[in-house]
Protein backbone atom coordinates (compact mmCIF):
# COMPACT_ATOMS: atom_id res chain seq x y z
CA MET A 1 23.89 -4.04 39.66
CA ALA A 2 20.64 -3.15 41.40
CA SER A 3 19.99 -4.32 44.95
CA ILE A 4 17.62 -7.27 45.29
CA PRO A 5 14.57 -7.13 47.53
CA LYS A 6 14.28 -9.73 50.26
CA THR A 7 11.01 -11.07 48.86
CA LEU A 8 11.86 -12.29 45.39
CA THR A 9 9.61 -12.78 42.41
CA LEU A 10 10.65 -14.38 39.16
CA GLY A 11 10.06 -11.06 37.41
CA GLU A 12 12.45 -9.24 39.76
CA ILE A 13 15.09 -11.91 39.26
CA ALA A 14 14.64 -11.78 35.51
CA ALA A 15 14.98 -7.97 35.48
CA ASN A 16 18.24 -8.17 37.38
CA CYS A 17 19.58 -10.88 35.04
CA ILE A 18 18.63 -8.87 31.95
CA SER A 19 20.77 -5.99 33.17
CA SER A 20 23.71 -8.40 33.12
CA GLY A 21 23.03 -9.68 29.59
CA LEU A 22 21.21 -12.84 30.63
CA ASP A 23 17.62 -14.01 30.35
CA VAL A 24 15.56 -16.44 32.43
CA SER A 25 14.92 -19.30 29.99
CA GLY A 26 13.24 -21.69 32.37
CA ALA A 27 12.50 -22.37 36.03
CA PHE A 28 11.06 -25.10 38.16
CA HIS A 29 10.81 -26.23 41.77
CA HIS A 30 13.93 -28.34 42.16
CA ASN A 31 12.56 -30.04 45.30
CA ASN A 32 10.27 -29.16 48.18
CA ASN A 33 12.54 -26.32 49.30
CA GLN A 34 14.38 -25.01 46.24
CA THR A 35 13.74 -23.20 42.96
CA LEU A 36 16.10 -23.67 40.03
CA ILE A 37 16.38 -20.89 37.44
CA LEU A 38 18.00 -21.46 34.05
CA LEU A 39 19.91 -18.59 32.41
CA SER A 40 20.56 -18.03 28.72
CA PRO A 41 22.02 -15.17 26.63
CA ALA A 42 19.61 -12.22 26.37
CA LYS A 43 19.02 -10.34 23.13
CA ASP A 44 21.71 -7.79 24.00
CA PHE A 45 24.14 -10.39 25.31
CA TRP A 46 26.75 -9.85 22.59
CA GLU A 47 26.92 -6.07 23.11
CA THR A 48 27.34 -6.66 26.88
CA PHE A 49 29.90 -9.42 26.44
CA LYS A 50 32.08 -7.51 23.91
CA VAL A 51 32.95 -4.81 26.45
CA SER A 52 33.98 -7.37 29.10
CA HIS A 53 37.60 -8.09 29.94
CA GLU A 54 36.98 -11.77 29.21
CA TYR A 55 36.27 -10.93 25.58
CA GLN A 56 39.14 -8.51 25.25
CA ASP A 57 41.98 -10.45 26.95
CA ASN A 58 42.32 -13.01 24.10
CA SER A 59 42.47 -15.92 26.55
CA LEU A 60 40.75 -19.30 26.28
CA ASN A 61 37.05 -19.91 27.02
CA PRO A 62 35.94 -16.26 27.15
CA ILE A 63 32.19 -16.91 27.35
CA ASP A 64 32.60 -19.58 30.02
CA ARG A 65 34.79 -17.28 32.10
CA TRP A 66 32.34 -14.40 31.65
CA SER A 67 29.42 -16.65 32.63
CA THR A 68 31.26 -17.82 35.74
CA ARG A 69 31.92 -14.25 36.89
CA ILE A 70 28.49 -12.79 36.09
CA ILE A 71 26.38 -15.66 37.36
CA SER A 72 28.49 -16.00 40.52
CA GLU A 73 27.89 -12.28 41.17
CA LEU A 74 24.16 -12.77 40.67
CA ALA A 75 24.24 -15.75 43.01
CA ILE A 76 25.80 -13.65 45.78
CA GLN A 77 23.18 -10.94 45.36
CA LEU A 78 20.35 -13.46 45.34
CA SER A 79 21.77 -15.71 48.08
CA ALA A 80 21.66 -18.52 45.54
CA THR A 81 23.99 -21.34 44.49
CA PRO A 82 25.42 -21.01 40.95
CA LYS A 83 25.65 -23.98 38.62
CA PHE A 84 27.34 -24.22 35.20
CA PRO A 85 27.17 -26.62 32.23
CA PHE A 86 30.98 -26.65 31.97
CA GLY A 87 33.90 -27.19 34.35
CA GLY A 88 33.36 -30.92 34.91
CA PRO A 89 33.43 -33.78 35.29
CA PRO A 90 31.14 -34.16 37.08
CA TYR A 91 28.76 -32.02 35.05
CA SER A 92 25.43 -30.61 36.22
CA PRO A 93 22.48 -32.23 34.39
CA PHE A 94 21.44 -29.21 32.34
CA LEU A 95 19.70 -31.36 29.73
CA GLU A 96 17.42 -32.84 32.36
CA TRP A 97 16.90 -29.44 33.98
CA ALA A 98 15.92 -27.96 30.63
CA LYS A 99 13.29 -30.64 30.14
CA ARG A 100 12.00 -30.21 33.68
CA SER A 101 11.36 -26.54 33.01
CA ASN A 102 8.62 -27.52 30.50
CA ARG A 103 10.06 -24.96 28.12
CA ALA A 104 12.54 -27.22 26.27
CA TRP A 105 12.20 -30.63 24.65
CA ILE A 106 14.19 -33.09 22.56
CA SER A 107 13.80 -32.41 18.84
CA PRO A 108 13.57 -35.16 16.17
CA LEU A 109 17.38 -34.93 15.77
CA GLY A 110 18.13 -35.12 19.48
CA MET A 111 18.96 -31.44 19.95
CA LEU A 112 17.06 -29.37 22.44
CA VAL A 113 14.33 -27.09 21.13
CA HIS A 114 13.08 -24.20 23.30
CA ASP A 115 9.67 -22.58 23.19
CA THR A 116 11.02 -19.11 22.29
CA MET A 117 14.63 -19.76 21.17
CA GLY A 118 14.09 -22.90 19.14
CA MET A 119 17.32 -24.83 18.51
CA MET A 120 19.40 -21.71 19.24
CA ILE A 121 18.88 -22.31 22.96
CA SER A 122 21.98 -22.40 25.09
CA TYR A 123 22.37 -22.28 28.85
CA ARG A 124 25.12 -20.23 30.43
CA GLY A 125 24.28 -21.37 33.94
CA ALA A 126 21.67 -21.74 36.60
CA LEU A 127 20.78 -20.39 40.04
CA ILE A 128 19.40 -22.54 42.84
CA LEU A 129 17.45 -20.57 45.44
CA ASP A 130 16.68 -22.04 48.87
CA SER A 131 13.04 -21.04 48.61
CA LEU A 132 9.97 -21.80 46.52
CA ILE A 133 9.06 -18.76 44.48
CA LYS A 134 5.86 -18.47 42.48
CA LEU A 135 6.32 -19.69 38.91
CA PRO A 136 4.11 -19.15 35.85
CA ASN A 137 2.22 -21.99 34.24
CA THR A 138 4.64 -23.49 31.73
CA LYS A 139 2.55 -26.28 30.30
CA SER A 140 3.64 -25.45 26.76
CA LEU A 141 3.27 -27.93 23.94
CA LYS A 142 6.34 -29.33 22.25
CA PRO A 143 6.62 -27.19 19.08
CA CYS A 144 7.92 -30.12 17.00
CA ASN A 145 4.49 -31.77 17.30
CA THR A 146 2.91 -29.00 15.21
CA CYS A 147 5.88 -28.40 12.88
CA VAL A 148 4.59 -29.82 9.60
CA ASN A 149 7.68 -29.70 7.40
CA LYS A 150 10.32 -30.41 10.07
CA PRO A 151 13.09 -28.65 8.10
CA CYS A 152 15.75 -29.59 10.67
CA ILE A 153 15.75 -33.21 9.50
CA ASN A 154 17.35 -32.45 6.13
CA ALA A 155 19.06 -29.15 6.91
CA CYS A 156 22.65 -30.32 7.56
CA PRO A 157 24.68 -29.66 4.37
CA ALA A 158 27.30 -32.15 5.49
CA ARG A 159 24.72 -34.85 6.23
CA ALA A 160 26.51 -35.28 9.54
CA ILE A 161 23.43 -35.55 11.73
CA SER A 162 20.30 -37.70 11.67
CA SER A 163 17.80 -39.09 14.11
CA ILE A 164 20.07 -42.08 14.76
CA GLU A 165 23.59 -40.60 14.86
CA TYR A 166 25.79 -37.52 14.91
CA ASN A 167 29.07 -37.77 13.03
CA ILE A 168 31.20 -35.06 14.61
CA ILE A 169 34.24 -35.92 12.46
CA LYS A 170 32.19 -35.39 9.32
CA CYS A 171 30.84 -32.13 10.73
CA HIS A 172 34.31 -30.80 11.61
CA SER A 173 35.65 -31.74 8.17
CA PHE A 174 32.84 -29.87 6.45
CA LEU A 175 33.43 -26.74 8.52
CA LYS A 176 36.92 -26.52 7.05
CA THR A 177 35.57 -26.29 3.50
CA SER A 178 34.25 -23.24 1.63
CA GLY A 179 30.72 -24.56 2.12
CA GLY A 180 31.25 -24.63 5.88
CA LYS A 181 31.74 -20.86 6.05
CA VAL A 182 27.96 -20.39 6.14
CA CYS A 183 27.78 -22.54 9.26
CA MET A 184 30.74 -20.77 10.88
CA THR A 185 29.30 -17.27 10.60
CA GLY A 186 25.58 -18.00 10.33
CA ALA A 187 25.48 -20.81 12.93
CA CYS A 188 24.65 -24.49 12.46
CA GLN A 189 22.16 -24.73 9.63
CA VAL A 190 20.24 -27.45 11.44
CA ARG A 191 19.70 -25.10 14.39
CA THR A 192 18.79 -22.11 12.25
CA SER A 193 16.35 -24.14 10.13
CA CYS A 194 13.94 -24.43 13.06
CA PRO A 195 11.02 -22.01 12.49
CA ILE A 196 11.35 -20.74 16.07
CA SER A 197 15.10 -20.20 15.71
CA VAL A 198 14.47 -17.74 12.87
CA ALA A 199 13.40 -15.10 15.39
CA VAL A 200 16.70 -15.35 17.28
CA GLN A 201 18.80 -12.68 15.60
CA ARG A 202 22.24 -13.64 16.89
CA ASP A 203 25.23 -11.53 15.91
CA PRO A 204 27.48 -13.26 13.33
CA GLU A 205 30.49 -12.65 15.60
CA HIS A 206 28.65 -14.48 18.37
CA ASN A 207 27.98 -17.41 16.04
CA LEU A 208 31.59 -17.48 14.93
CA LEU A 209 32.90 -17.53 18.47
CA HIS A 210 30.71 -20.50 19.36
CA MET A 211 31.65 -22.38 16.20
CA ARG A 212 35.36 -21.75 16.77
CA ALA A 213 34.98 -23.11 20.29
CA PHE A 214 33.10 -26.11 18.90
CA LYS A 215 36.05 -26.77 16.56
CA GLY A 216 38.49 -26.50 19.44
CA GLU A 217 40.19 -23.36 18.12
CA ILE A 218 39.68 -21.29 21.28
């Protein structure tokens, strides 16, 4: 990985993360002295991940183990503190951090929706820097407010999710059927129905790995 200059900019941090298969998906001033940077899979994440030993060793939780190694390495280079959405309890408040970034909001069904990744947003970790770096203006508007048809509301083929509840048992049962194969390889149809999600061309193998983990198979 490239050496990091002493005076950091968000662009320099993002460039270094991209080389590791990660993208800066949000950032905000955590307090008066710290900047928190959220990290998500970059467009070439799957190609990067597939050549890692975590993917190839056939052990449990490969993406979590890869994220721990890569983000911890980035943290050392950047003199930052790494945080992860797994490994608890206690768990770091990634949902609140996402909302504080002003780049992610709660959708009508309760899932997060991101300004460029839609409902396909996922966070592999975060970096907390003990400095206040300059951040771009992120006063984006919640995309759901201008989404006329709101396809996510009726997208679940199992009718397992609504604005008032999520029936995980019903969801898991559907994934075991022939109809559930579309969700397994093409990702959750609620998530992919979001107009912003359409632009996220995730590899079917990537989708399948996440869905298998969701089902508790790996």
